[in-house]
PDB file of N, CA and C in Angstrom:
ATOM      1  N   MET A   1     -37.723  -3.663  -8.873  1.00  0.00           N
ATOM      2  CA  MET A   1     -36.967  -4.501  -9.779  1.00  0.00           C
ATOM      3  C   MET A   1     -36.394  -3.653 -10.904  1.00  0.00           C
ATOM      4  N   MET A   2     -35.258  -4.096 -11.430  1.00  0.00           N
ATOM      5  CA  MET A   2     -34.584  -3.328 -12.470  1.00  0.00           C
ATOM      6  C   MET A   2     -34.825  -3.940 -13.859  1.00  0.00           C
ATOM      7  N   TRP A   3     -35.352  -5.111 -13.950  1.00  0.00           N
ATOM      8  CA  TRP A   3     -35.669  -5.795 -15.200  1.00  0.00           C
ATOM      9  C   TRP A   3     -34.475  -5.897 -16.151  1.00  0.00           C
ATOM     10  N   GLY A   4     -33.346  -6.304 -15.605  1.00  0.00           N
ATOM     11  CA  GLY A   4     -32.198  -6.600 -16.450  1.00  0.00           C
ATOM     12  C   GLY A   4     -31.280  -5.450 -16.758  1.00  0.00           C
ATOM     13  N   TYR A   5     -31.507  -4.263 -16.178  1.00  0.00           N
ATOM     14  CA  TYR A   5     -30.640  -3.139 -16.485  1.00  0.00           C
ATOM     15  C   TYR A   5     -29.763  -2.738 -15.310  1.00  0.00           C
ATOM     16  N   GLY A   6     -29.730  -3.551 -14.303  1.00  0.00           N
ATOM     17  CA  GLY A   6     -28.952  -3.197 -13.122  1.00  0.00           C
ATOM     18  C   GLY A   6     -27.628  -3.940 -13.078  1.00  0.00           C
ATOM     19  N   TRP A   7     -27.002  -3.894 -11.925  1.00  0.00           N
ATOM     20  CA  TRP A   7     -25.699  -4.508 -11.694  1.00  0.00           C
ATOM     21  C   TRP A   7     -25.751  -6.018 -11.874  1.00  0.00           C
ATOM     22  N   ASP A   8     -26.854  -6.646 -11.496  1.00  0.00           N
ATOM     23  CA  ASP A   8     -26.966  -8.104 -11.581  1.00  0.00           C
ATOM     24  C   ASP A   8     -26.894  -8.590 -13.021  1.00  0.00           C
ATOM     25  N   MET A   9     -27.368  -7.829 -13.960  1.00  0.00           N
ATOM     26  CA  MET A   9     -27.331  -8.248 -15.358  1.00  0.00           C
ATOM     27  C   MET A   9     -25.898  -8.385 -15.852  1.00  0.00           C
ATOM     28  N   GLY A  10     -24.988  -7.580 -15.349  1.00  0.00           N
ATOM     29  CA  GLY A  10     -23.577  -7.662 -15.731  1.00  0.00           C
ATOM     30  C   GLY A  10     -22.960  -8.987 -15.342  1.00  0.00           C
ATOM     31  N   TRP A  11     -23.345  -9.520 -14.206  1.00  0.00           N
ATOM     32  CA  TRP A  11     -22.814 -10.819 -13.781  1.00  0.00           C
ATOM     33  C   TRP A  11     -23.311 -11.938 -14.686  1.00  0.00           C
ATOM     34  N   TRP A  12     -24.563 -11.863 -15.117  1.00  0.00           N
ATOM     35  CA  TRP A  12     -25.088 -12.887 -16.033  1.00  0.00           C
ATOM     36  C   TRP A  12     -24.354 -12.841 -17.368  1.00  0.00           C
ATOM     37  N   TRP A  13     -24.090 -11.652 -17.864  1.00  0.00           N
ATOM     38  CA  TRP A  13     -23.381 -11.496 -19.122  1.00  0.00           C
ATOM     39  C   TRP A  13     -21.968 -12.050 -19.015  1.00  0.00           C
ATOM     40  N   LEU A  14     -21.291 -11.732 -17.900  1.00  0.00           N
ATOM     41  CA  LEU A  14     -19.933 -12.190 -17.681  1.00  0.00           C
ATOM     42  C   LEU A  14     -19.876 -13.708 -17.541  1.00  0.00           C
ATOM     43  N   SER A  15     -20.814 -14.287 -16.792  1.00  0.00           N
ATOM     44  CA  SER A  15     -20.805 -15.739 -16.624  1.00  0.00           C
ATOM     45  C   SER A  15     -21.118 -16.436 -17.946  1.00  0.00           C
ATOM     46  N   GLY A  16     -21.982 -15.867 -18.766  1.00  0.00           N
ATOM     47  CA  GLY A  16     -22.262 -16.433 -20.084  1.00  0.00           C
ATOM     48  C   GLY A  16     -21.045 -16.392 -20.985  1.00  0.00           C
ATOM     49  N   LEU A  17     -20.312 -15.289 -20.929  1.00  0.00           N
ATOM     50  CA  LEU A  17     -19.093 -15.154 -21.720  1.00  0.00           C
ATOM     51  C   LEU A  17     -18.041 -16.169 -21.273  1.00  0.00           C
ATOM     52  N   LEU A  18     -17.868 -16.328 -19.974  1.00  0.00           N
ATOM     53  CA  LEU A  18     -16.912 -17.307 -19.463  1.00  0.00           C
ATOM     54  C   LEU A  18     -17.302 -18.733 -19.846  1.00  0.00           C
ATOM     55  N   LEU A  19     -18.589 -19.023 -19.825  1.00  0.00           N
ATOM     56  CA  LEU A  19     -19.063 -20.343 -20.238  1.00  0.00           C
ATOM     57  C   LEU A  19     -18.764 -20.578 -21.714  1.00  0.00           C
ATOM     58  N   LEU A  20     -18.988 -19.589 -22.541  1.00  0.00           N
ATOM     59  CA  LEU A  20     -18.707 -19.702 -23.972  1.00  0.00           C
ATOM     60  C   LEU A  20     -17.220 -19.927 -24.223  1.00  0.00           C
ATOM     61  N   VAL A  21     -16.377 -19.183 -23.545  1.00  0.00           N
ATOM     62  CA  VAL A  21     -14.927 -19.348 -23.691  1.00  0.00           C
ATOM     63  C   VAL A  21     -14.512 -20.753 -23.249  1.00  0.00           C
ATOM     64  N   GLY A  22     -15.085 -21.244 -22.171  1.00  0.00           N
ATOM     65  CA  GLY A  22     -14.771 -22.590 -21.693  1.00  0.00           C
ATOM     66  C   GLY A  22     -15.167 -23.662 -22.689  1.00  0.00           C
ATOM     67  N   VAL A  23     -16.330 -23.510 -23.304  1.00  0.00           N
ATOM     68  CA  VAL A  23     -16.776 -24.494 -24.294  1.00  0.00           C
ATOM     69  C   VAL A  23     -15.857 -24.476 -25.515  1.00  0.00           C
ATOM     70  N   VAL A  24     -15.475 -23.284 -25.979  1.00  0.00           N
ATOM     71  CA  VAL A  24     -14.579 -23.181 -27.129  1.00  0.00           C
ATOM     72  C   VAL A  24     -13.227 -23.827 -26.812  1.00  0.00           C
ATOM     73  N   LEU A  25     -12.687 -23.564 -25.643  1.00  0.00           N
ATOM     74  CA  LEU A  25     -11.411 -24.169 -25.256  1.00  0.00           C
ATOM     75  C   LEU A  25     -11.514 -25.687 -25.165  1.00  0.00           C
ATOM     76  N   LEU A  26     -12.620 -26.183 -24.657  1.00  0.00           N
ATOM     77  CA  LEU A  26     -12.827 -27.623 -24.563  1.00  0.00           C
ATOM     78  C   LEU A  26     -12.878 -28.260 -25.949  1.00  0.00           C
ATOM     79  N   VAL A  27     -13.561 -27.629 -26.878  1.00  0.00           N
ATOM     80  CA  VAL A  27     -13.638 -28.158 -28.243  1.00  0.00           C
ATOM     81  C   VAL A  27     -12.255 -28.161 -28.893  1.00  0.00           C
ATOM     82  N   VAL A  28     -11.498 -27.081 -28.728  1.00  0.00           N
ATOM     83  CA  VAL A  28     -10.150 -27.013 -29.293  1.00  0.00           C
ATOM     84  C   VAL A  28      -9.276 -28.106 -28.698  1.00  0.00           C
ATOM     85  N   LEU A  29      -9.346 -28.317 -27.405  1.00  0.00           N
ATOM     86  CA  LEU A  29      -8.559 -29.354 -26.752  1.00  0.00           C
ATOM     87  C   LEU A  29      -8.932 -30.734 -27.265  1.00  0.00           C
ATOM     88  N   LEU A  30     -10.211 -31.000 -27.403  1.00  0.00           N
ATOM     89  CA  LEU A  30     -10.653 -32.304 -27.900  1.00  0.00           C
ATOM     90  C   LEU A  30     -10.208 -32.548 -29.329  1.00  0.00           C
ATOM     91  N   VAL A  31     -10.252 -31.520 -30.159  1.00  0.00           N
ATOM     92  CA  VAL A  31      -9.807 -31.670 -31.547  1.00  0.00           C
ATOM     93  C   VAL A  31      -8.311 -31.938 -31.597  1.00  0.00           C
ATOM     94  N   ARG A  32      -7.534 -31.227 -30.798  1.00  0.00           N
ATOM     95  CA  ARG A  32      -6.084 -31.441 -30.795  1.00  0.00           C
ATOM     96  C   ARG A  32      -5.719 -32.824 -30.304  1.00  0.00           C
ATOM     97  N   VAL A  33      -6.398 -33.306 -29.265  1.00  0.00           N
ATOM     98  CA  VAL A  33      -6.092 -34.632 -28.721  1.00  0.00           C
ATOM     99  C   VAL A  33      -6.498 -35.715 -29.710  1.00  0.00           C
ATOM    100  N   SER A  34      -7.668 -35.564 -30.334  1.00  0.00           N
ATOM    101  CA  SER A  34      -8.128 -36.599 -31.254  1.00  0.00           C
ATOM    102  C   SER A  34      -7.308 -36.642 -32.529  1.00  0.00           C
ATOM    103  N   SER A  35      -6.731 -35.529 -32.943  1.00  0.00           N
ATOM    104  CA  SER A  35      -5.916 -35.516 -34.153  1.00  0.00           C
ATOM    105  C   SER A  35      -4.458 -35.866 -33.867  1.00  0.00           C
ATOM    106  N   GLY A  36      -4.088 -35.997 -32.614  1.00  0.00           N
ATOM    107  CA  GLY A  36      -2.715 -36.342 -32.260  1.00  0.00           C
ATOM    108  C   GLY A  36      -1.791 -35.154 -32.184  1.00  0.00           C
ATOM    109  N   ALA A  37      -2.285 -33.961 -32.360  1.00  0.00           N
ATOM    110  CA  ALA A  37      -1.436 -32.775 -32.343  1.00  0.00           C
ATOM    111  C   ALA A  37      -0.865 -32.509 -30.959  1.00  0.00           C
ATOM    112  N   GLY A  38      -1.515 -32.957 -29.938  1.00  0.00           N
ATOM    113  CA  GLY A  38      -1.029 -32.711 -28.585  1.00  0.00           C
ATOM    114  C   GLY A  38       0.195 -33.521 -28.227  1.00  0.00           C
ATOM    115  N   SER A  39       0.501 -34.569 -28.993  1.00  0.00           N
ATOM    116  CA  SER A  39       1.634 -35.420 -28.650  1.00  0.00           C
ATOM    117  C   SER A  39       2.908 -34.994 -29.350  1.00  0.00           C
ATOM    118  N   ARG A  40       2.893 -33.884 -30.067  1.00  0.00           N
ATOM    119  CA  ARG A  40       4.074 -33.475 -30.807  1.00  0.00           C
ATOM    120  C   ARG A  40       5.075 -32.732 -29.940  1.00  0.00           C
ATOM    121  N   GLY A  41       4.705 -32.371 -28.765  1.00  0.00           N
ATOM    122  CA  GLY A  41       5.605 -31.808 -27.770  1.00  0.00           C
ATOM    123  C   GLY A  41       6.651 -30.878 -28.319  1.00  0.00           C
ATOM    124  N   GLY A  42       7.904 -31.280 -28.199  1.00  0.00           N
ATOM    125  CA  GLY A  42       8.995 -30.472 -28.696  1.00  0.00           C
ATOM    126  C   GLY A  42       9.817 -29.880 -27.583  1.00  0.00           C
ATOM    127  N   GLY A  43       9.371 -30.003 -26.363  1.00  0.00           N
ATOM    128  CA  GLY A  43      10.125 -29.489 -25.242  1.00  0.00           C
ATOM    129  C   GLY A  43      11.258 -30.422 -24.874  1.00  0.00           C
ATOM    130  N   PRO A  44      12.067 -30.043 -23.880  1.00  0.00           N
ATOM    131  CA  PRO A  44      13.170 -30.897 -23.472  1.00  0.00           C
ATOM    132  C   PRO A  44      12.652 -32.230 -22.951  1.00  0.00           C
ATOM    133  N   GLY A  45      13.240 -33.297 -23.450  1.00  0.00           N
ATOM    134  CA  GLY A  45      12.860 -34.635 -22.998  1.00  0.00           C
ATOM    135  C   GLY A  45      11.603 -35.161 -23.652  1.00  0.00           C
ATOM    136  N   ALA A  46      10.968 -34.353 -24.492  1.00  0.00           N
ATOM    137  CA  ALA A  46       9.743 -34.808 -25.156  1.00  0.00           C
ATOM    138  C   ALA A  46      10.129 -35.593 -26.395  1.00  0.00           C
ATOM    139  N   SER A  47       9.546 -36.754 -26.512  1.00  0.00           N
ATOM    140  CA  SER A  47       9.814 -37.545 -27.704  1.00  0.00           C
ATOM    141  C   SER A  47       8.553 -37.576 -28.534  1.00  0.00           C
ATOM    142  N   GLY A  48       8.690 -37.236 -29.790  1.00  0.00           N
ATOM    143  CA  GLY A  48       7.550 -37.228 -30.697  1.00  0.00           C
ATOM    144  C   GLY A  48       7.197 -38.651 -31.096  1.00  0.00           C
ATOM    145  N   PRO A  49       6.143 -38.786 -31.862  1.00  0.00           N
ATOM    146  CA  PRO A  49       5.764 -40.108 -32.318  1.00  0.00           C
ATOM    147  C   PRO A  49       6.820 -40.665 -33.259  1.00  0.00           C
ATOM    148  N   THR A  50       7.055 -41.954 -33.170  1.00  0.00           N
ATOM    149  CA  THR A  50       8.048 -42.563 -34.035  1.00  0.00           C
ATOM    150  C   THR A  50       7.468 -42.671 -35.439  1.00  0.00           C
ATOM    151  N   PRO A  51       8.226 -42.270 -36.426  1.00  0.00           N
ATOM    152  CA  PRO A  51       7.704 -42.314 -37.788  1.00  0.00           C
ATOM    153  C   PRO A  51       7.556 -43.749 -38.265  1.00  0.00           C
ATOM    154  N   GLY A  52       6.473 -44.020 -38.946  1.00  0.00           N
ATOM    155  CA  GLY A  52       6.237 -45.344 -39.494  1.00  0.00           C
ATOM    156  C   GLY A  52       6.872 -45.458 -40.866  1.00  0.00           C
ATOM    157  N   PRO A  53       6.602 -46.548 -41.521  1.00  0.00           N
ATOM    158  CA  PRO A  53       7.161 -46.702 -42.870  1.00  0.00           C
ATOM    159  C   PRO A  53       6.573 -45.671 -43.818  1.00  0.00           C
ATOM    160  N   SER A  54       7.362 -45.324 -44.820  1.00  0.00           N
ATOM    161  CA  SER A  54       6.887 -44.341 -45.796  1.00  0.00           C
ATOM    162  C   SER A  54       5.738 -44.935 -46.609  1.00  0.00           C
ATOM    163  N   ARG A  55       5.032 -44.062 -47.309  1.00  0.00           N
ATOM    164  CA  ARG A  55       3.905 -44.532 -48.136  1.00  0.00           C
ATOM    165  C   ARG A  55       4.418 -45.463 -49.236  1.00  0.00           C
ATOM    166  N   ALA A  56       5.603 -45.161 -49.793  1.00  0.00           N
ATOM    167  CA  ALA A  56       6.181 -46.028 -50.827  1.00  0.00           C
ATOM    168  C   ALA A  56       6.443 -47.425 -50.266  1.00  0.00           C
ATOM    169  N   ARG A  57       6.942 -47.478 -49.037  1.00  0.00           N
ATOM    170  CA  ARG A  57       7.212 -48.785 -48.408  1.00  0.00           C
ATOM    171  C   ARG A  57       5.909 -49.532 -48.143  1.00  0.00           C
ATOM    172  N   GLN A  58       4.871 -48.820 -47.740  1.00  0.00           N
ATOM    173  CA  GLN A  58       3.583 -49.459 -47.500  1.00  0.00           C
ATOM    174  C   GLN A  58       3.034 -50.073 -48.780  1.00  0.00           C
ATOM    175  N   ILE A  59       3.142 -49.338 -49.884  1.00  0.00           N
ATOM    176  CA  ILE A  59       2.670 -49.867 -51.170  1.00  0.00           C
ATOM    177  C   ILE A  59       3.495 -51.085 -51.565  1.00  0.00           C
ATOM    178  N   LEU A  60       4.796 -51.005 -51.365  1.00  0.00           N
ATOM    179  CA  LEU A  60       5.683 -52.123 -51.675  1.00  0.00           C
ATOM    180  C   LEU A  60       5.312 -53.349 -50.846  1.00  0.00           C
ATOM    181  N   ASP A  61       5.050 -53.148 -49.565  1.00  0.00           N
ATOM    182  CA  ASP A  61       4.646 -54.257 -48.694  1.00  0.00           C
ATOM    183  C   ASP A  61       3.330 -54.876 -49.160  1.00  0.00           C
ATOM    184  N   GLU A  62       2.390 -54.030 -49.566  1.00  0.00           N
ATOM    185  CA  GLU A  62       1.101 -54.531 -50.051  1.00  0.00           C
ATOM    186  C   GLU A  62       1.277 -55.350 -51.328  1.00  0.00           C
ATOM    187  N   ARG A  63       2.109 -54.864 -52.246  1.00  0.00           N
ATOM    188  CA  ARG A  63       2.334 -55.585 -53.503  1.00  0.00           C
ATOM    189  C   ARG A  63       3.020 -56.918 -53.251  1.00  0.00           C
ATOM    190  N   TYR A  64       3.942 -56.953 -52.289  1.00  0.00           N
ATOM    191  CA  TYR A  64       4.614 -58.214 -51.953  1.00  0.00           C
ATOM    192  C   TYR A  64       3.626 -59.184 -51.305  1.00  0.00           C
ATOM    193  N   ALA A  65       2.765 -58.658 -50.456  1.00  0.00           N
ATOM    194  CA  ALA A  65       1.791 -59.497 -49.758  1.00  0.00           C
ATOM    195  C   ALA A  65       0.777 -60.108 -50.721  1.00  0.00           C
ATOM    196  N   THR A  66       0.436 -59.374 -51.769  1.00  0.00           N
ATOM    197  CA  THR A  66      -0.539 -59.906 -52.732  1.00  0.00           C
ATOM    198  C   THR A  66       0.109 -60.760 -53.810  1.00  0.00           C
ATOM    199  N   GLY A  67       1.436 -60.888 -53.790  1.00  0.00           N
ATOM    200  CA  GLY A  67       2.127 -61.754 -54.738  1.00  0.00           C
ATOM    201  C   GLY A  67       2.518 -61.080 -56.032  1.00  0.00           C
ATOM    202  N   GLU A  68       2.400 -59.782 -56.108  1.00  0.00           N
ATOM    203  CA  GLU A  68       2.785 -59.062 -57.327  1.00  0.00           C
ATOM    204  C   GLU A  68       4.297 -59.007 -57.489  1.00  0.00           C
ATOM    205  N   LEU A  69       5.038 -59.125 -56.379  1.00  0.00           N
ATOM    206  CA  LEU A  69       6.497 -59.068 -56.411  1.00  0.00           C
ATOM    207  C   LEU A  69       7.073 -60.368 -55.851  1.00  0.00           C
ATOM    208  N   THR A  70       8.206 -60.780 -56.405  1.00  0.00           N
ATOM    209  CA  THR A  70       8.923 -61.908 -55.823  1.00  0.00           C
ATOM    210  C   THR A  70       9.746 -61.392 -54.646  1.00  0.00           C
ATOM    211  N   ALA A  71      10.279 -62.315 -53.877  1.00  0.00           N
ATOM    212  CA  ALA A  71      11.100 -61.928 -52.727  1.00  0.00           C
ATOM    213  C   ALA A  71      12.321 -61.140 -53.183  1.00  0.00           C
ATOM    214  N   GLU A  72      12.900 -61.558 -54.300  1.00  0.00           N
ATOM    215  CA  GLU A  72      14.086 -60.863 -54.813  1.00  0.00           C
ATOM    216  C   GLU A  72      13.736 -59.437 -55.256  1.00  0.00           C
ATOM    217  N   GLN A  73      12.628 -59.285 -55.963  1.00  0.00           N
ATOM    218  CA  GLN A  73      12.196 -57.946 -56.389  1.00  0.00           C
ATOM    219  C   GLN A  73      11.885 -57.069 -55.177  1.00  0.00           C
ATOM    220  N   TYR A  74      11.260 -57.664 -54.176  1.00  0.00           N
ATOM    221  CA  TYR A  74      10.912 -56.925 -52.951  1.00  0.00           C
ATOM    222  C   TYR A  74      12.166 -56.401 -52.257  1.00  0.00           C
ATOM    223  N   ARG A  75      13.165 -57.298 -52.089  1.00  0.00           N
ATOM    224  CA  ARG A  75      14.407 -56.881 -51.420  1.00  0.00           C
ATOM    225  C   ARG A  75      15.128 -55.789 -52.218  1.00  0.00           C
ATOM    226  N   GLU A  76      15.124 -55.927 -53.546  1.00  0.00           N
ATOM    227  CA  GLU A  76      15.776 -54.926 -54.392  1.00  0.00           C
ATOM    228  C   GLU A  76      15.092 -53.565 -54.250  1.00  0.00           C
ATOM    229  N   GLN A  77      13.778 -53.556 -54.234  1.00  0.00           N
ATOM    230  CA  GLN A  77      13.044 -52.289 -54.107  1.00  0.00           C
ATOM    231  C   GLN A  77      13.269 -51.658 -52.739  1.00  0.00           C
ATOM    232  N   ILE A  78      13.341 -52.467 -51.697  1.00  0.00           N
ATOM    233  CA  ILE A  78      13.640 -51.925 -50.356  1.00  0.00           C
ATOM    234  C   ILE A  78      15.035 -51.302 -50.355  1.00  0.00           C
ATOM    235  N   ARG A  79      15.983 -51.966 -51.025  1.00  0.00           N
ATOM    236  CA  ARG A  79      17.340 -51.418 -51.096  1.00  0.00           C
ATOM    237  C   ARG A  79      17.319 -50.082 -51.830  1.00  0.00           C
ATOM    238  N   VAL A  80      16.557 -49.996 -52.909  1.00  0.00           N
ATOM    239  CA  VAL A  80      16.458 -48.751 -53.687  1.00  0.00           C
ATOM    240  C   VAL A  80      15.831 -47.652 -52.837  1.00  0.00           C
ATOM    241  N   LEU A  81      14.820 -48.012 -52.062  1.00  0.00           N
ATOM    242  CA  LEU A  81      14.175 -47.019 -51.192  1.00  0.00           C
ATOM    243  C   LEU A  81      15.105 -46.575 -50.061  1.00  0.00           C
ATOM    244  N   GLY A  82      16.043 -47.419 -49.681  1.00  0.00           N
ATOM    245  CA  GLY A  82      16.939 -47.081 -48.579  1.00  0.00           C
ATOM    246  C   GLY A  82      16.323 -47.346 -47.219  1.00  0.00           C
ATOM    247  N   GLU A  83      15.331 -48.223 -47.198  1.00  0.00           N
ATOM    248  CA  GLU A  83      14.671 -48.579 -45.927  1.00  0.00           C
ATOM    249  C   GLU A  83      14.987 -50.042 -45.635  1.00  0.00           C
ATOM    250  N   ASN A  84      16.044 -50.274 -44.912  1.00  0.00           N
ATOM    251  CA  ASN A  84      16.514 -51.637 -44.655  1.00  0.00           C
ATOM    252  C   ASN A  84      16.006 -52.210 -43.347  1.00  0.00           C
ATOM    253  N   SER A  85      14.934 -51.662 -42.814  1.00  0.00           N
ATOM    254  CA  SER A  85      14.453 -52.168 -41.523  1.00  0.00           C
ATOM    255  C   SER A  85      13.673 -53.434 -41.693  1.00  0.00           C
TER     256      SER A  85
END
């Protein structure tokens, strides 16, 4: 027996390294998918995520929903923001 100093030990080291690389790649892939980074594409025919309302519009919507703004004030602020959707 060679007790870990022969040719067979090299295969164990290599397989351990490949396993480590595979685990790291899997973690990176999972993080990218969970954060939505994988859907940003950019290639031909790839459509990115559609942008939602701006943060200012979200705050405006919340204030209107809670009654802080009248309908007229709400429409005026949307016009000022330039978001007529």
